[in-house]
Amino acid sequence: MKLTEGAWVEPATTIDTKTGAWRSFRPVWDGEKCIKCYLCIDLCPEGAISALPLDEDGKKTGIQVDYDYCKGCGICAAECPTQSYEMVPEEK
């Protein structure tokens, strides 16, 4: 597969295999701080963050992290404009 510089590629590395079990840190989302820009969804390299359903008025309600696939890379926390994520140690 040839990649074009600057192009977005669909996540594919963990769709068939759950890889979240070996992470050291997990992102914890704070809905009170979140402005629902969904930047985290766009930037997650594993596609482990998705939007929750819209409310009855058609407004964004938040996100959910699929911890089966989240590798704990911290990109969501590092790039969130309102610091809505905290990376906490994974409990084993």
PDB file of N, CA and C in Angstrom:
ATOM      1  N   MET A   1       0.844  -1.172   0.000  1.00  0.00           N
ATOM      2  CA  MET A   1       0.000   0.000   0.000  1.00  0.00           C
ATOM      3  C   MET A   1       0.886   1.231   0.000  1.00  0.00           C
ATOM      4  N   LYS A   2       0.638   2.147  -0.890  1.00  0.00           N
ATOM      5  CA  LYS A   2       1.396   3.384  -0.965  1.00  0.00           C
ATOM      6  C   LYS A   2       0.639   4.472  -0.208  1.00  0.00           C
ATOM      7  N   LEU A   3       1.332   5.165   0.699  1.00  0.00           N
ATOM      8  CA  LEU A   3       0.709   6.221   1.477  1.00  0.00           C
ATOM      9  C   LEU A   3       1.069   7.578   0.901  1.00  0.00           C
ATOM     10  N   THR A   4       0.100   8.448   0.824  1.00  0.00           N
ATOM     11  CA  THR A   4       0.325   9.813   0.390  1.00  0.00           C
ATOM     12  C   THR A   4       0.663  10.646   1.613  1.00  0.00           C
ATOM     13  N   GLU A   5       1.708  11.458   1.527  1.00  0.00           N
ATOM     14  CA  GLU A   5       2.118  12.283   2.655  1.00  0.00           C
ATOM     15  C   GLU A   5       0.961  13.172   3.092  1.00  0.00           C
ATOM     16  N   GLY A   6       0.695  13.180   4.396  1.00  0.00           N
ATOM     17  CA  GLY A   6      -0.370  13.995   4.959  1.00  0.00           C
ATOM     18  C   GLY A   6      -1.758  13.389   4.860  1.00  0.00           C
ATOM     19  N   ALA A   7      -1.881  12.203   4.323  1.00  0.00           N
ATOM     20  CA  ALA A   7      -3.194  11.570   4.170  1.00  0.00           C
ATOM     21  C   ALA A   7      -3.597  10.858   5.454  1.00  0.00           C
ATOM     22  N   TRP A   8      -4.890  10.793   5.690  1.00  0.00           N
ATOM     23  CA  TRP A   8      -5.417  10.037   6.817  1.00  0.00           C
ATOM     24  C   TRP A   8      -5.615   8.598   6.371  1.00  0.00           C
ATOM     25  N   VAL A   9      -5.284   7.672   7.238  1.00  0.00           N
ATOM     26  CA  VAL A   9      -5.444   6.258   6.942  1.00  0.00           C
ATOM     27  C   VAL A   9      -6.382   5.674   7.986  1.00  0.00           C
ATOM     28  N   GLU A  10      -7.293   4.844   7.555  1.00  0.00           N
ATOM     29  CA  GLU A  10      -8.218   4.208   8.486  1.00  0.00           C
ATOM     30  C   GLU A  10      -7.456   3.294   9.445  1.00  0.00           C
ATOM     31  N   PRO A  11      -7.856   3.275  10.734  1.00  0.00           N
ATOM     32  CA  PRO A  11      -7.194   2.387  11.680  1.00  0.00           C
ATOM     33  C   PRO A  11      -7.401   0.930  11.286  1.00  0.00           C
ATOM     34  N   ALA A  12      -6.374   0.130  11.428  1.00  0.00           N
ATOM     35  CA  ALA A  12      -6.506  -1.276  11.059  1.00  0.00           C
ATOM     36  C   ALA A  12      -5.640  -2.182  11.903  1.00  0.00           C
ATOM     37  N   THR A  13      -4.780  -1.640  12.712  1.00  0.00           N
ATOM     38  CA  THR A  13      -3.812  -2.471  13.408  1.00  0.00           C
ATOM     39  C   THR A  13      -4.412  -3.307  14.522  1.00  0.00           C
ATOM     40  N   THR A  14      -5.513  -2.886  15.110  1.00  0.00           N
ATOM     41  CA  THR A  14      -6.061  -3.648  16.225  1.00  0.00           C
ATOM     42  C   THR A  14      -7.507  -4.069  16.026  1.00  0.00           C
ATOM     43  N   ILE A  15      -8.045  -3.862  14.857  1.00  0.00           N
ATOM     44  CA  ILE A  15      -9.449  -4.198  14.640  1.00  0.00           C
ATOM     45  C   ILE A  15      -9.695  -5.690  14.828  1.00  0.00           C
ATOM     46  N   ASP A  16      -8.764  -6.519  14.406  1.00  0.00           N
ATOM     47  CA  ASP A  16      -8.946  -7.963  14.510  1.00  0.00           C
ATOM     48  C   ASP A  16      -8.406  -8.559  15.805  1.00  0.00           C
ATOM     49  N   THR A  17      -7.550  -7.830  16.502  1.00  0.00           N
ATOM     50  CA  THR A  17      -6.904  -8.354  17.699  1.00  0.00           C
ATOM     51  C   THR A  17      -6.976  -7.335  18.823  1.00  0.00           C
ATOM     52  N   LYS A  18      -7.567  -7.713  19.936  1.00  0.00           N
ATOM     53  CA  LYS A  18      -7.632  -6.810  21.084  1.00  0.00           C
ATOM     54  C   LYS A  18      -6.231  -6.655  21.659  1.00  0.00           C
ATOM     55  N   THR A  19      -5.784  -5.404  21.768  1.00  0.00           N
ATOM     56  CA  THR A  19      -4.410  -5.157  22.221  1.00  0.00           C
ATOM     57  C   THR A  19      -4.345  -4.280  23.461  1.00  0.00           C
ATOM     58  N   GLY A  20      -5.478  -3.947  24.042  1.00  0.00           N
ATOM     59  CA  GLY A  20      -5.482  -3.040  25.176  1.00  0.00           C
ATOM     60  C   GLY A  20      -4.952  -3.626  26.467  1.00  0.00           C
ATOM     61  N   ALA A  21      -4.802  -4.930  26.550  1.00  0.00           N
ATOM     62  CA  ALA A  21      -4.426  -5.573  27.807  1.00  0.00           C
ATOM     63  C   ALA A  21      -3.012  -5.254  28.268  1.00  0.00           C
ATOM     64  N   TRP A  22      -2.135  -4.830  27.377  1.00  0.00           N
ATOM     65  CA  TRP A  22      -0.746  -4.623  27.775  1.00  0.00           C
ATOM     66  C   TRP A  22      -0.395  -3.171  28.051  1.00  0.00           C
ATOM     67  N   ARG A  23      -1.353  -2.253  28.002  1.00  0.00           N
ATOM     68  CA  ARG A  23      -1.016  -0.835  28.226  1.00  0.00           C
ATOM     69  C   ARG A  23      -0.669  -0.591  29.694  1.00  0.00           C
ATOM     70  N   SER A  24       0.132   0.447  29.937  1.00  0.00           N
ATOM     71  CA  SER A  24       0.532   0.836  31.290  1.00  0.00           C
ATOM     72  C   SER A  24      -0.343   1.949  31.850  1.00  0.00           C
ATOM     73  N   PHE A  25      -0.856   2.806  30.949  1.00  0.00           N
ATOM     74  CA  PHE A  25      -1.717   3.912  31.354  1.00  0.00           C
ATOM     75  C   PHE A  25      -2.976   3.897  30.503  1.00  0.00           C
ATOM     76  N   ARG A  26      -4.064   4.393  31.080  1.00  0.00           N
ATOM     77  CA  ARG A  26      -5.324   4.480  30.354  1.00  0.00           C
ATOM     78  C   ARG A  26      -5.840   5.911  30.433  1.00  0.00           C
ATOM     79  N   PRO A  27      -6.469   6.383  29.359  1.00  0.00           N
ATOM     80  CA  PRO A  27      -7.051   7.720  29.401  1.00  0.00           C
ATOM     81  C   PRO A  27      -8.415   7.686  30.093  1.00  0.00           C
ATOM     82  N   VAL A  28      -8.617   8.609  31.013  1.00  0.00           N
ATOM     83  CA  VAL A  28      -9.911   8.754  31.671  1.00  0.00           C
ATOM     84  C   VAL A  28     -10.482  10.096  31.218  1.00  0.00           C
ATOM     85  N   TRP A  29     -11.667  10.053  30.632  1.00  0.00           N
ATOM     86  CA  TRP A  29     -12.295  11.229  30.037  1.00  0.00           C
ATOM     87  C   TRP A  29     -13.177  11.946  31.045  1.00  0.00           C
ATOM     88  N   ASP A  30     -13.083  13.279  31.105  1.00  0.00           N
ATOM     89  CA  ASP A  30     -13.902  14.117  31.977  1.00  0.00           C
ATOM     90  C   ASP A  30     -14.897  14.886  31.112  1.00  0.00           C
ATOM     91  N   GLY A  31     -16.128  14.460  31.115  1.00  0.00           N
ATOM     92  CA  GLY A  31     -17.162  15.078  30.298  1.00  0.00           C
ATOM     93  C   GLY A  31     -17.472  16.516  30.664  1.00  0.00           C
ATOM     94  N   GLU A  32     -17.159  16.916  31.899  1.00  0.00           N
ATOM     95  CA  GLU A  32     -17.401  18.298  32.321  1.00  0.00           C
ATOM     96  C   GLU A  32     -16.447  19.274  31.639  1.00  0.00           C
ATOM     97  N   LYS A  33     -15.239  18.832  31.356  1.00  0.00           N
ATOM     98  CA  LYS A  33     -14.240  19.690  30.710  1.00  0.00           C
ATOM     99  C   LYS A  33     -14.354  19.679  29.189  1.00  0.00           C
ATOM    100  N   CYS A  34     -14.916  18.624  28.649  1.00  0.00           N
ATOM    101  CA  CYS A  34     -14.938  18.394  27.201  1.00  0.00           C
ATOM    102  C   CYS A  34     -15.842  19.396  26.479  1.00  0.00           C
ATOM    103  N   ILE A  35     -15.341  19.942  25.362  1.00  0.00           N
ATOM    104  CA  ILE A  35     -16.128  20.857  24.532  1.00  0.00           C
ATOM    105  C   ILE A  35     -16.697  20.137  23.301  1.00  0.00           C
ATOM    106  N   LYS A  36     -16.535  18.833  23.250  1.00  0.00           N
ATOM    107  CA  LYS A  36     -17.047  17.992  22.158  1.00  0.00           C
ATOM    108  C   LYS A  36     -16.529  18.413  20.791  1.00  0.00           C
ATOM    109  N   CYS A  37     -15.243  18.741  20.725  1.00  0.00           N
ATOM    110  CA  CYS A  37     -14.623  19.069  19.433  1.00  0.00           C
ATOM    111  C   CYS A  37     -14.295  17.801  18.654  1.00  0.00           C
ATOM    112  N   TYR A  38     -14.192  16.682  19.360  1.00  0.00           N
ATOM    113  CA  TYR A  38     -13.926  15.362  18.789  1.00  0.00           C
ATOM    114  C   TYR A  38     -12.555  15.249  18.128  1.00  0.00           C
ATOM    115  N   LEU A  39     -11.638  16.130  18.496  1.00  0.00           N
ATOM    116  CA  LEU A  39     -10.271  16.034  17.990  1.00  0.00           C
ATOM    117  C   LEU A  39      -9.663  14.688  18.378  1.00  0.00           C
ATOM    118  N   CYS A  40      -9.979  14.215  19.565  1.00  0.00           N
ATOM    119  CA  CYS A  40      -9.442  12.939  20.044  1.00  0.00           C
ATOM    120  C   CYS A  40      -9.850  11.783  19.132  1.00  0.00           C
ATOM    121  N   ILE A  41     -11.070  11.833  18.625  1.00  0.00           N
ATOM    122  CA  ILE A  41     -11.542  10.783  17.722  1.00  0.00           C
ATOM    123  C   ILE A  41     -10.704  10.777  16.453  1.00  0.00           C
ATOM    124  N   ASP A  42     -10.448  11.961  15.920  1.00  0.00           N
ATOM    125  CA  ASP A  42      -9.664  12.076  14.687  1.00  0.00           C
ATOM    126  C   ASP A  42      -8.212  11.656  14.880  1.00  0.00           C
ATOM    127  N   LEU A  43      -7.652  11.900  16.069  1.00  0.00           N
ATOM    128  CA  LEU A  43      -6.226  11.663  16.285  1.00  0.00           C
ATOM    129  C   LEU A  43      -5.877  10.285  16.832  1.00  0.00           C
ATOM    130  N   CYS A  44      -6.841   9.563  17.368  1.00  0.00           N
ATOM    131  CA  CYS A  44      -6.542   8.247  17.944  1.00  0.00           C
ATOM    132  C   CYS A  44      -6.041   7.302  16.852  1.00  0.00           C
ATOM    133  N   PRO A  45      -4.790   6.837  16.962  1.00  0.00           N
ATOM    134  CA  PRO A  45      -4.236   5.986  15.906  1.00  0.00           C
ATOM    135  C   PRO A  45      -4.885   4.605  15.830  1.00  0.00           C
ATOM    136  N   GLU A  46      -5.575   4.197  16.875  1.00  0.00           N
ATOM    137  CA  GLU A  46      -6.202   2.876  16.888  1.00  0.00           C
ATOM    138  C   GLU A  46      -7.704   2.929  16.654  1.00  0.00           C
ATOM    139  N   GLY A  47      -8.265   4.116  16.522  1.00  0.00           N
ATOM    140  CA  GLY A  47      -9.716   4.217  16.344  1.00  0.00           C
ATOM    141  C   GLY A  47     -10.476   3.747  17.567  1.00  0.00           C
ATOM    142  N   ALA A  48      -9.870   3.889  18.747  1.00  0.00           N
ATOM    143  CA  ALA A  48     -10.460   3.380  19.981  1.00  0.00           C
ATOM    144  C   ALA A  48     -11.398   4.380  20.656  1.00  0.00           C
ATOM    145  N   ILE A  49     -11.501   5.581  20.114  1.00  0.00           N
ATOM    146  CA  ILE A  49     -12.388   6.594  20.678  1.00  0.00           C
ATOM    147  C   ILE A  49     -13.505   6.848  19.675  1.00  0.00           C
ATOM    148  N   SER A  50     -14.738   6.820  20.164  1.00  0.00           N
ATOM    149  CA  SER A  50     -15.877   7.059  19.278  1.00  0.00           C
ATOM    150  C   SER A  50     -16.871   8.001  19.945  1.00  0.00           C
ATOM    151  N   ALA A  51     -17.721   8.597  19.131  1.00  0.00           N
ATOM    152  CA  ALA A  51     -18.727   9.532  19.625  1.00  0.00           C
ATOM    153  C   ALA A  51     -19.919   8.777  20.195  1.00  0.00           C
ATOM    154  N   LEU A  52     -20.449   9.290  21.283  1.00  0.00           N
ATOM    155  CA  LEU A  52     -21.702   8.769  21.819  1.00  0.00           C
ATOM    156  C   LEU A  52     -22.843   9.277  20.940  1.00  0.00           C
ATOM    157  N   PRO A  53     -24.003   8.636  20.991  1.00  0.00           N
ATOM    158  CA  PRO A  53     -25.136   9.098  20.179  1.00  0.00           C
ATOM    159  C   PRO A  53     -25.514  10.546  20.517  1.00  0.00           C
ATOM    160  N   LEU A  54     -26.041  11.253  19.532  1.00  0.00           N
ATOM    161  CA  LEU A  54     -26.517  12.618  19.746  1.00  0.00           C
ATOM    162  C   LEU A  54     -27.716  12.595  20.684  1.00  0.00           C
ATOM    163  N   ASP A  55     -27.943  13.712  21.396  1.00  0.00           N
ATOM    164  CA  ASP A  55     -29.120  13.772  22.260  1.00  0.00           C
ATOM    165  C   ASP A  55     -30.365  14.043  21.412  1.00  0.00           C
ATOM    166  N   GLU A  56     -31.517  14.160  22.066  1.00  0.00           N
ATOM    167  CA  GLU A  56     -32.775  14.335  21.330  1.00  0.00           C
ATOM    168  C   GLU A  56     -32.839  15.649  20.555  1.00  0.00           C
ATOM    169  N   ASP A  57     -31.982  16.611  20.920  1.00  0.00           N
ATOM    170  CA  ASP A  57     -31.918  17.887  20.200  1.00  0.00           C
ATOM    171  C   ASP A  57     -30.868  17.877  19.096  1.00  0.00           C
ATOM    172  N   GLY A  58     -30.214  16.734  18.900  1.00  0.00           N
ATOM    173  CA  GLY A  58     -29.192  16.622  17.864  1.00  0.00           C
ATOM    174  C   GLY A  58     -27.834  17.158  18.271  1.00  0.00           C
ATOM    175  N   LYS A  59     -27.632  17.362  19.578  1.00  0.00           N
ATOM    176  CA  LYS A  59     -26.358  17.887  20.066  1.00  0.00           C
ATOM    177  C   LYS A  59     -25.416  16.745  20.448  1.00  0.00           C
ATOM    178  N   LYS A  60     -24.127  17.008  20.308  1.00  0.00           N
ATOM    179  CA  LYS A  60     -23.105  16.030  20.685  1.00  0.00           C
ATOM    180  C   LYS A  60     -23.156  15.801  22.190  1.00  0.00           C
ATOM    181  N   THR A  61     -23.002  14.543  22.606  1.00  0.00           N
ATOM    182  CA  THR A  61     -23.091  14.221  24.030  1.00  0.00           C
ATOM    183  C   THR A  61     -21.766  13.811  24.646  1.00  0.00           C
ATOM    184  N   GLY A  62     -20.814  13.399  23.844  1.00  0.00           N
ATOM    185  CA  GLY A  62     -19.531  12.991  24.405  1.00  0.00           C
ATOM    186  C   GLY A  62     -18.892  11.867  23.627  1.00  0.00           C
ATOM    187  N   ILE A  63     -17.940  11.228  24.269  1.00  0.00           N
ATOM    188  CA  ILE A  63     -17.169  10.164  23.630  1.00  0.00           C
ATOM    189  C   ILE A  63     -17.139   8.931  24.520  1.00  0.00           C
ATOM    190  N   GLN A  64     -16.657   7.844  23.952  1.00  0.00           N
ATOM    191  CA  GLN A  64     -16.370   6.646  24.736  1.00  0.00           C
ATOM    192  C   GLN A  64     -15.060   6.057  24.237  1.00  0.00           C
ATOM    193  N   VAL A  65     -14.296   5.520  25.160  1.00  0.00           N
ATOM    194  CA  VAL A  65     -13.022   4.885  24.826  1.00  0.00           C
ATOM    195  C   VAL A  65     -13.225   3.380  24.887  1.00  0.00           C
ATOM    196  N   ASP A  66     -12.855   2.689  23.837  1.00  0.00           N
ATOM    197  CA  ASP A  66     -12.920   1.228  23.813  1.00  0.00           C
ATOM    198  C   ASP A  66     -11.588   0.710  24.350  1.00  0.00           C
ATOM    199  N   TYR A  67     -11.584   0.347  25.626  1.00  0.00           N
ATOM    200  CA  TYR A  67     -10.345  -0.064  26.285  1.00  0.00           C
ATOM    201  C   TYR A  67      -9.825  -1.414  25.795  1.00  0.00           C
ATOM    202  N   ASP A  68     -10.631  -2.164  25.062  1.00  0.00           N
ATOM    203  CA  ASP A  68     -10.128  -3.399  24.462  1.00  0.00           C
ATOM    204  C   ASP A  68      -9.063  -3.096  23.416  1.00  0.00           C
ATOM    205  N   TYR A  69      -9.151  -1.916  22.806  1.00  0.00           N
ATOM    206  CA  TYR A  69      -8.241  -1.563  21.716  1.00  0.00           C
ATOM    207  C   TYR A  69      -7.316  -0.396  22.037  1.00  0.00           C
ATOM    208  N   CYS A  70      -7.628   0.393  23.054  1.00  0.00           N
ATOM    209  CA  CYS A  70      -6.783   1.526  23.440  1.00  0.00           C
ATOM    210  C   CYS A  70      -5.438   1.015  23.935  1.00  0.00           C
ATOM    211  N   LYS A  71      -4.357   1.562  23.370  1.00  0.00           N
ATOM    212  CA  LYS A  71      -3.011   1.157  23.773  1.00  0.00           C
ATOM    213  C   LYS A  71      -2.406   2.088  24.815  1.00  0.00           C
ATOM    214  N   GLY A  72      -3.137   3.130  25.198  1.00  0.00           N
ATOM    215  CA  GLY A  72      -2.640   4.043  26.218  1.00  0.00           C
ATOM    216  C   GLY A  72      -1.525   4.945  25.734  1.00  0.00           C
ATOM    217  N   CYS A  73      -1.538   5.293  24.457  1.00  0.00           N
ATOM    218  CA  CYS A  73      -0.451   6.104  23.888  1.00  0.00           C
ATOM    219  C   CYS A  73      -0.457   7.531  24.418  1.00  0.00           C
ATOM    220  N   GLY A  74      -1.621   8.043  24.835  1.00  0.00           N
ATOM    221  CA  GLY A  74      -1.706   9.373  25.417  1.00  0.00           C
ATOM    222  C   GLY A  74      -1.877  10.508  24.425  1.00  0.00           C
ATOM    223  N   ILE A  75      -2.034  10.197  23.146  1.00  0.00           N
ATOM    224  CA  ILE A  75      -2.221  11.260  22.156  1.00  0.00           C
ATOM    225  C   ILE A  75      -3.484  12.059  22.476  1.00  0.00           C
ATOM    226  N   CYS A  76      -4.542  11.397  22.870  1.00  0.00           N
ATOM    227  CA  CYS A  76      -5.790  12.095  23.198  1.00  0.00           C
ATOM    228  C   CYS A  76      -5.567  13.106  24.318  1.00  0.00           C
ATOM    229  N   ALA A  77      -4.847  12.701  25.357  1.00  0.00           N
ATOM    230  CA  ALA A  77      -4.584  13.586  26.490  1.00  0.00           C
ATOM    231  C   ALA A  77      -3.651  14.727  26.107  1.00  0.00           C
ATOM    232  N   ALA A  78      -2.655  14.432  25.301  1.00  0.00           N
ATOM    233  CA  ALA A  78      -1.678  15.452  24.921  1.00  0.00           C
ATOM    234  C   ALA A  78      -2.274  16.514  24.006  1.00  0.00           C
ATOM    235  N   GLU A  79      -3.223  16.133  23.173  1.00  0.00           N
ATOM    236  CA  GLU A  79      -3.758  17.055  22.168  1.00  0.00           C
ATOM    237  C   GLU A  79      -5.096  17.689  22.531  1.00  0.00           C
ATOM    238  N   CYS A  80      -5.730  17.241  23.589  1.00  0.00           N
ATOM    239  CA  CYS A  80      -7.036  17.782  23.971  1.00  0.00           C
ATOM    240  C   CYS A  80      -6.905  19.257  24.366  1.00  0.00           C
ATOM    241  N   PRO A  81      -7.655  20.151  23.713  1.00  0.00           N
ATOM    242  CA  PRO A  81      -7.517  21.581  24.007  1.00  0.00           C
ATOM    243  C   PRO A  81      -8.021  21.984  25.389  1.00  0.00           C
ATOM    244  N   THR A  82      -8.827  21.142  26.037  1.00  0.00           N
ATOM    245  CA  THR A  82      -9.351  21.480  27.362  1.00  0.00           C
ATOM    246  C   THR A  82      -8.867  20.522  28.451  1.00  0.00           C
ATOM    247  N   GLN A  83      -7.856  19.719  28.142  1.00  0.00           N
ATOM    248  CA  GLN A  83      -7.322  18.741  29.092  1.00  0.00           C
ATOM    249  C   GLN A  83      -8.428  17.876  29.698  1.00  0.00           C
ATOM    250  N   SER A  84      -9.292  17.361  28.825  1.00  0.00           N
ATOM    251  CA  SER A  84     -10.412  16.530  29.266  1.00  0.00           C
ATOM    252  C   SER A  84     -10.015  15.091  29.567  1.00  0.00           C
ATOM    253  N   TYR A  85      -8.769  14.748  29.289  1.00  0.00           N
ATOM    254  CA  TYR A  85      -8.280  13.398  29.563  1.00  0.00           C
ATOM    255  C   TYR A  85      -7.188  13.444  30.611  1.00  0.00           C
ATOM    256  N   GLU A  86      -7.195  12.441  31.477  1.00  0.00           N
ATOM    257  CA  GLU A  86      -6.100  12.229  32.417  1.00  0.00           C
ATOM    258  C   GLU A  86      -5.587  10.814  32.181  1.00  0.00           C
ATOM    259  N   MET A  87      -4.280  10.688  32.023  1.00  0.00           N
ATOM    260  CA  MET A  87      -3.683   9.365  31.866  1.00  0.00           C
ATOM    261  C   MET A  87      -3.390   8.822  33.265  1.00  0.00           C
ATOM    262  N   VAL A  88      -4.038   7.735  33.608  1.00  0.00           N
ATOM    263  CA  VAL A  88      -3.876   7.142  34.933  1.00  0.00           C
ATOM    264  C   VAL A  88      -3.248   5.761  34.795  1.00  0.00           C
ATOM    265  N   PRO A  89      -2.501   5.322  35.814  1.00  0.00           N
ATOM    266  CA  PRO A  89      -1.895   3.987  35.742  1.00  0.00           C
ATOM    267  C   PRO A  89      -2.968   2.909  35.585  1.00  0.00           C
ATOM    268  N   GLU A  90      -2.669   1.950  34.746  1.00  0.00           N
ATOM    269  CA  GLU A  90      -3.578   0.830  34.521  1.00  0.00           C
ATOM    270  C   GLU A  90      -3.531  -0.092  35.725  1.00  0.00           C
ATOM    271  N   GLU A  91      -4.690  -0.473  36.223  1.00  0.00           N
ATOM    272  CA  GLU A  91      -4.759  -1.415  37.335  1.00  0.00           C
ATOM    273  C   GLU A  91      -4.775  -2.819  36.770  1.00  0.00           C
ATOM    274  N   LYS A  92      -3.881  -3.641  37.236  1.00  0.00           N
ATOM    275  CA  LYS A  92      -3.794  -5.027  36.746  1.00  0.00           C
ATOM    276  C   LYS A  92      -4.486  -5.960  37.695  1.00  0.00           C
TER     277      LYS A  92
END
